[in-house]
Amino acid sequence: MSEEHQPLALLLDDNLMSTMRIEPQLRKMNYRVQTGRAVPETESDSAATQPALVLINLGSRNLNGVSLVQTCRERFLQARIIGFCGHLEVEIRRAAKAAGIDKILTNDQALSNLQQFI
């Protein structure tokens, strides 16, 4: 499948170690990967610029993952929005669920075998 026909996965994460483990997994699942620390501005609503999957590091202390969930839910209507954080971060998990996240994974699930859980 040519890259232009691959679905886009948007990875919102500011942790180099986790991005280095997640990006290859997404590529192995035939996603084009765009990584950033904020929701990118898009000038087009074409399928090529709209992510099919958004993966957010909810546990990051520098990103406001819950607000990213809300923004992505509003901007990317067709995207599946998945977050990951530590299993003990109960308040973050509750807030993300209230914001409309589709699924929350533990850090271990996201970093070690993402395909199995999404």
Protein backbone atom coordinates (compact mmCIF):
# COMPACT_ATOMS: atom_id res chain seq x y z
CA MET A 1 0.00 0.00 0.00
CA SER A 2 1.46 3.35 -0.99
CA GLU A 3 1.98 5.82 1.82
CA GLU A 4 -0.56 8.25 0.38
CA HIS A 5 -3.26 5.58 0.70
CA GLN A 6 -2.40 4.63 4.26
CA PRO A 7 -4.64 5.96 7.03
CA LEU A 8 -3.13 8.68 9.18
CA ALA A 9 -2.38 8.16 12.87
CA LEU A 10 -1.79 11.27 14.95
CA LEU A 11 0.41 10.62 17.99
CA LEU A 12 0.24 13.42 20.56
CA ASP A 13 3.15 12.83 22.90
CA ASP A 14 6.09 14.82 24.24
CA ASN A 15 8.06 11.84 25.55
CA LEU A 16 10.83 10.73 23.20
CA MET A 17 11.07 7.27 24.72
CA SER A 18 7.39 6.47 24.28
CA THR A 19 7.23 7.92 20.76
CA MET A 20 10.22 5.78 19.77
CA ARG A 21 8.29 2.70 20.89
CA ILE A 22 4.85 3.63 19.56
CA GLU A 23 5.68 5.05 16.12
CA PRO A 24 7.13 1.77 14.76
CA GLN A 25 4.12 -0.15 16.03
CA LEU A 26 1.75 2.22 14.22
CA ARG A 27 3.79 1.94 11.00
CA LYS A 28 3.70 -1.84 11.29
CA MET A 29 -0.11 -1.53 11.38
CA ASN A 30 0.12 0.40 8.05
CA TYR A 31 -0.52 3.88 9.42
CA ARG A 32 1.26 7.00 8.29
CA VAL A 33 2.37 8.59 11.55
CA GLN A 34 2.38 12.26 12.45
CA THR A 35 3.77 13.01 15.90
CA GLY A 36 3.39 16.28 17.74
CA ARG A 37 2.75 18.03 21.02
CA ALA A 38 -0.41 19.81 19.89
CA VAL A 39 -3.31 19.22 17.53
CA PRO A 40 -2.06 20.35 14.11
CA GLU A 41 -3.87 23.02 12.16
CA THR A 42 -5.29 21.59 8.96
CA GLU A 43 -6.49 23.60 6.03
CA SER A 44 -8.32 20.73 4.46
CA ASP A 45 -10.83 18.13 5.52
CA SER A 46 -9.53 15.62 2.98
CA ALA A 47 -9.02 12.05 4.08
CA ALA A 48 -5.26 12.50 3.64
CA THR A 49 -5.10 15.16 6.36
CA GLN A 50 -7.72 13.77 8.73
CA PRO A 51 -6.45 11.11 11.11
CA ALA A 52 -8.22 7.79 11.37
CA LEU A 53 -6.60 7.27 14.77
CA VAL A 54 -5.45 9.72 17.44
CA LEU A 55 -3.25 8.38 20.22
CA ILE A 56 -2.66 10.71 23.19
CA ASN A 57 -0.20 10.41 26.07
CA LEU A 58 -2.67 11.32 28.81
CA GLY A 59 -0.04 10.88 31.50
CA SER A 60 2.26 13.61 30.20
CA ARG A 61 2.76 16.40 32.71
CA ASN A 62 3.39 18.94 29.93
CA LEU A 63 0.47 18.12 27.64
CA ASN A 64 -3.07 18.66 28.78
CA GLY A 65 -4.30 15.33 27.49
CA VAL A 66 -7.92 15.81 28.49
CA SER A 67 -8.19 19.08 26.56
CA LEU A 68 -6.51 17.35 23.61
CA VAL A 69 -9.23 14.69 23.74
CA GLN A 70 -11.91 17.39 23.58
CA THR A 71 -10.20 19.23 20.73
CA CYS A 72 -9.69 16.04 18.72
CA ARG A 73 -13.27 14.93 19.33
CA GLU A 74 -14.49 18.25 17.87
CA ARG A 75 -12.06 18.44 14.93
CA PHE A 76 -11.69 14.83 13.84
CA LEU A 77 -15.22 13.48 13.84
CA GLN A 78 -14.35 10.15 12.21
CA ALA A 79 -11.19 9.43 14.22
CA ARG A 80 -10.89 6.85 16.93
CA ILE A 81 -9.34 8.58 19.94
CA ILE A 82 -7.26 6.45 22.27
CA GLY A 83 -5.24 7.57 25.26
CA PHE A 84 -2.63 5.96 27.43
CA CYS A 85 -1.38 6.61 30.94
CA GLY A 86 -0.35 4.83 34.09
CA HIS A 87 -2.90 2.41 35.52
CA LEU A 88 -2.99 4.34 38.81
CA GLU A 89 -3.81 7.69 37.20
CA VAL A 90 -7.49 7.33 38.05
CA GLU A 91 -8.45 11.03 37.88
CA ILE A 92 -6.90 11.40 34.43
CA ARG A 93 -8.78 8.32 33.25
CA ARG A 94 -12.10 9.65 34.60
CA ALA A 95 -11.58 13.07 33.00
CA ALA A 96 -10.64 11.51 29.65
CA LYS A 97 -13.76 9.34 29.70
CA ALA A 98 -15.88 12.40 30.46
CA ALA A 99 -14.22 14.19 27.52
CA GLY A 100 -15.35 11.45 25.15
CA ILE A 101 -12.26 9.30 24.64
CA ASP A 102 -12.94 6.01 22.87
CA LYS A 103 -10.47 3.86 24.79
CA ILE A 104 -7.78 4.17 27.47
CA LEU A 105 -4.76 1.89 27.59
CA THR A 106 -2.12 1.46 30.24
CA ASN A 107 1.39 2.60 29.38
CA ASP A 108 2.48 -1.02 29.14
CA GLN A 109 -0.28 -1.88 26.67
CA ALA A 110 0.57 1.09 24.45
CA LEU A 111 4.32 0.64 24.59
CA SER A 112 4.61 -3.11 24.24
CA ASN A 113 1.76 -4.48 22.11
CA LEU A 114 -0.40 -1.66 20.81
CA GLN A 115 -1.93 -3.67 17.97
CA GLN A 116 -3.45 -6.17 20.38
CA PHE A 117 -5.33 -3.46 22.26
CA ILE A 118 -6.60 -1.23 19.49
